């Protein structure tokens, strides 16, 4: 399976901190493992952090499922971003928000645990997350699997036809003949022709 750099990084971080099962994805377990304080508030959920300290304030009036979604969003900001959005331009804020949304899908539903679920409803119940977020993760994994299958198909096709002189263009043959004249040696390796 093809993993993104972000997935690979996050899975190593989880492994290094003993995050292996769905039960380990609780807010209390993750905040403890990553040294992040979590506190409830009646204000908007947000993270306050620098390189040495982080606290995530979660709105206590939200449902448990919504609190988990908000936690993973802010968790992404803490682990992946620098700076204060109050002083950033809109395009940079939008970039960070898109990045953190994708991060939250990986962090809240690691693929090795997520693939055990057959439906959106099942995964929403197991991971205690909104169905829309879970559906986005299903789509994300399906797109990745499709890209992997396409890549494998291309690799197989290339390995079968890449050294087939009959499929080469006239220009390729012309260049190879020119190279043969210039070097005085055969440039087509007959042993590679199937």
Protein backbone atom coordinates (compact mmCIF):
# COMPACT_ATOMS: atom_id res chain seq x y z
CA UNK A 1 0.00 0.00 0.00
CA UNK A 2 1.20 3.49 -0.80
CA UNK A 3 1.38 5.82 2.18
CA UNK A 4 1.80 9.56 2.04
CA UNK A 5 4.74 11.12 3.86
CA UNK A 6 2.28 12.47 6.41
CA UNK A 7 0.80 9.01 7.07
CA UNK A 8 4.24 7.48 7.43
CA UNK A 9 5.35 10.22 9.83
CA UNK A 10 2.18 9.97 11.92
CA UNK A 11 2.28 6.17 12.13
CA UNK A 12 5.88 6.34 13.38
CA UNK A 13 4.88 8.94 15.96
CA UNK A 14 1.98 6.76 17.09
CA UNK A 15 4.19 3.69 17.28
CA UNK A 16 6.88 5.53 19.26
CA UNK A 17 4.21 6.57 21.77
CA UNK A 18 2.46 3.21 22.04
CA UNK A 19 -0.65 4.17 20.07
CA UNK A 20 -1.73 0.86 18.51
CA UNK A 21 -5.48 0.36 18.96
CA UNK A 22 -8.72 2.30 18.64
CA UNK A 23 -8.81 2.57 22.43
CA UNK A 24 -5.48 4.45 22.27
CA UNK A 25 -7.13 7.16 20.16
CA UNK A 26 -8.96 8.68 23.10
CA UNK A 27 -8.42 12.36 23.75
CA UNK A 28 -6.90 11.66 27.15
CA UNK A 29 -4.50 8.98 25.85
CA UNK A 30 -3.31 11.02 22.85
CA UNK A 31 -2.91 14.23 24.83
CA UNK A 32 -0.88 12.36 27.45
CA UNK A 33 1.25 10.59 24.84
CA UNK A 34 2.04 13.84 23.00
CA UNK A 35 2.38 16.08 26.07
CA UNK A 36 -0.61 18.26 25.21
CA UNK A 37 -2.85 19.70 27.90
CA UNK A 38 -6.59 19.54 27.22
CA UNK A 39 -9.12 21.69 29.00
CA UNK A 40 -12.82 22.34 28.54
CA UNK A 41 -14.26 25.75 27.81
CA UNK A 42 -17.60 27.29 26.96
CA UNK A 43 -15.91 29.24 24.16
CA UNK A 44 -14.89 28.16 20.69
CA UNK A 45 -12.54 25.17 20.50
CA UNK A 46 -8.95 26.24 19.83
CA UNK A 47 -5.31 25.35 20.40
CA UNK A 48 -2.67 27.57 21.96
CA UNK A 49 0.85 26.34 21.46
CA UNK A 50 4.50 27.03 20.79
CA UNK A 51 7.52 24.75 20.43
CA UNK A 52 7.53 23.83 24.13
CA UNK A 53 3.92 23.94 25.33
CA UNK A 54 0.47 23.15 23.98
CA UNK A 55 -3.07 23.27 25.28
CA UNK A 56 -6.26 22.44 23.40
CA UNK A 57 -9.44 24.05 24.68
CA UNK A 58 -12.50 22.00 23.71
CA UNK A 59 -16.00 23.43 23.84
CA UNK A 60 -17.80 21.52 26.59
CA UNK A 61 -21.22 22.22 25.02
CA UNK A 62 -20.50 20.05 21.96
CA UNK A 63 -21.43 16.38 21.74
CA UNK A 64 -18.77 13.77 22.48
CA UNK A 65 -18.51 12.95 18.75
CA UNK A 66 -18.10 16.61 17.80
CA UNK A 67 -15.54 17.13 20.59
CA UNK A 68 -13.46 14.27 19.14
CA UNK A 69 -13.63 15.78 15.67
CA UNK A 70 -12.58 19.18 17.02
CA UNK A 71 -9.79 17.63 19.09
CA UNK A 72 -8.23 15.91 16.05
CA UNK A 73 -8.45 19.17 14.11
CA UNK A 74 -6.62 21.13 16.81
CA UNK A 75 -4.24 18.19 17.38
CA UNK A 76 -3.18 18.66 13.74
CA UNK A 77 -2.42 22.33 14.29
CA UNK A 78 -0.33 21.54 17.37
CA UNK A 79 1.71 18.83 15.69
CA UNK A 80 2.09 20.28 12.20
CA UNK A 81 1.83 24.07 12.24
CA UNK A 82 3.63 27.15 13.49
CA UNK A 83 2.41 30.66 13.97
CA UNK A 84 -0.73 32.42 15.05
CA UNK A 85 -3.58 32.48 12.54
CA UNK A 86 -4.72 35.85 13.89
CA UNK A 87 -1.70 37.35 12.09
CA UNK A 88 -1.82 35.32 8.87
CA UNK A 89 -3.35 36.20 5.53
CA UNK A 90 -6.47 34.35 4.40
CA UNK A 91 -4.77 32.17 1.79
CA UNK A 92 -2.25 30.84 4.33
CA UNK A 93 -5.02 30.20 6.86
CA UNK A 94 -6.98 28.32 4.19
CA UNK A 95 -3.91 26.23 3.36
CA UNK A 96 -3.39 25.33 7.03
CA UNK A 97 -7.06 24.43 7.43
CA UNK A 98 -6.98 22.10 4.40
CA UNK A 99 -3.77 20.49 5.64
CA UNK A 100 -5.11 19.98 9.14
CA UNK A 101 -8.35 18.47 7.84
CA UNK A 102 -6.43 15.79 5.94
CA UNK A 103 -4.21 15.28 8.97
CA UNK A 104 -7.27 14.84 11.20
CA UNK A 105 -8.54 12.04 8.94
CA UNK A 106 -5.23 10.18 9.25
CA UNK A 107 -4.85 10.84 12.97
CA UNK A 108 -8.41 9.99 13.98
CA UNK A 109 -8.69 6.91 11.75
CA UNK A 110 -5.33 5.30 11.02
CA UNK A 111 -5.68 3.09 7.97
CA UNK A 112 -4.41 -0.07 9.68
CA UNK A 113 -7.32 0.24 12.14
CA UNK A 114 -9.84 1.80 9.78
CA UNK A 115 -9.78 -0.99 7.19
CA UNK A 116 -11.32 -3.33 9.78
CA UNK A 117 -14.60 -1.43 9.37
CA UNK A 118 -16.88 -2.35 6.49
CA UNK A 119 -19.26 0.62 6.49
CA UNK A 120 -19.38 4.31 7.31
CA UNK A 121 -21.87 3.61 10.10
CA UNK A 122 -19.63 0.95 11.65
CA UNK A 123 -16.54 3.17 11.49
CA UNK A 124 -18.44 6.18 12.88
CA UNK A 125 -19.45 4.05 15.87
CA UNK A 126 -16.00 2.47 16.38
CA UNK A 127 -14.05 5.75 16.09
CA UNK A 128 -16.78 7.93 17.66
CA UNK A 129 -16.65 10.46 14.83
CA UNK A 130 -19.20 12.18 12.57
CA UNK A 131 -20.34 10.14 9.58
CA UNK A 132 -19.28 12.88 7.15
CA UNK A 133 -15.71 12.76 8.43
CA UNK A 134 -15.70 8.96 8.24
CA UNK A 135 -17.09 9.05 4.69
CA UNK A 136 -14.25 11.42 3.70
CA UNK A 137 -11.73 8.93 5.11
CA UNK A 138 -13.33 6.07 3.14
CA UNK A 139 -13.05 8.20 -0.03
CA UNK A 140 -9.45 9.12 0.77
CA UNK A 141 -8.44 5.47 1.19
CA UNK A 142 -10.31 4.39 -1.95
CA UNK A 143 -8.53 7.08 -4.00
CA UNK A 144 -5.20 5.96 -2.58
CA UNK A 145 -5.94 2.32 -3.41
CA UNK A 146 -6.95 3.32 -6.95
CA UNK A 147 -3.71 5.30 -7.38
CA UNK A 148 -1.76 2.28 -6.13
CA UNK A 149 -3.53 -0.04 -8.56
CA UNK A 150 -2.94 2.38 -11.44
CA UNK A 151 0.72 2.69 -10.50
CA UNK A 152 1.11 -1.10 -10.37
CA UNK A 153 -0.60 -1.46 -13.75
CA UNK A 154 1.76 1.12 -15.26
CA UNK A 155 4.80 -0.59 -13.72
CA UNK A 156 3.76 -3.95 -15.19
CA UNK A 157 3.05 -2.40 -18.58
CA UNK A 158 6.38 -0.59 -18.60
CA UNK A 159 8.31 -3.68 -17.60
CA UNK A 160 6.70 -5.61 -20.45
CA UNK A 161 7.08 -3.03 -23.17
CA UNK A 162 9.80 -0.60 -22.22
CA UNK A 163 12.52 -2.58 -23.99
CA UNK A 164 10.60 -3.65 -27.06
CA UNK A 165 12.32 -2.24 -30.17
CA UNK A 166 9.20 -3.01 -32.24
CA UNK A 167 7.23 -0.51 -30.15
CA UNK A 168 9.81 2.28 -30.35
CA UNK A 169 9.16 5.32 -32.51
CA UNK A 170 11.06 6.09 -35.68
CA UNK A 171 12.80 8.91 -33.82
CA UNK A 172 14.02 6.49 -31.14
CA UNK A 173 15.42 4.17 -33.82
CA UNK A 174 17.09 7.14 -35.58
CA UNK A 175 18.74 8.31 -32.35
CA UNK A 176 19.95 4.80 -31.52
CA UNK A 177 21.42 4.39 -35.02
CA UNK A 178 23.17 7.73 -34.65
CA UNK A 179 24.55 6.66 -31.27
CA UNK A 180 25.74 3.38 -32.80
CA UNK A 181 27.59 5.29 -35.56
CA UNK A 182 29.16 7.68 -33.05
CA UNK A 183 30.33 5.00 -30.61
CA UNK A 184 31.01 2.21 -33.08
CA UNK A 185 29.14 -0.19 -30.77
CA UNK A 186 25.73 -1.84 -30.76
CA UNK A 187 23.42 0.08 -28.45
CA UNK A 188 20.44 -2.27 -28.44
CA UNK A 189 20.84 -5.00 -25.84
CA UNK A 190 19.45 -8.11 -27.51
CA UNK A 191 19.33 -9.97 -24.18
CA UNK A 192 16.59 -7.61 -22.94
CA UNK A 193 14.30 -8.20 -25.91
CA UNK A 194 11.49 -10.59 -25.01
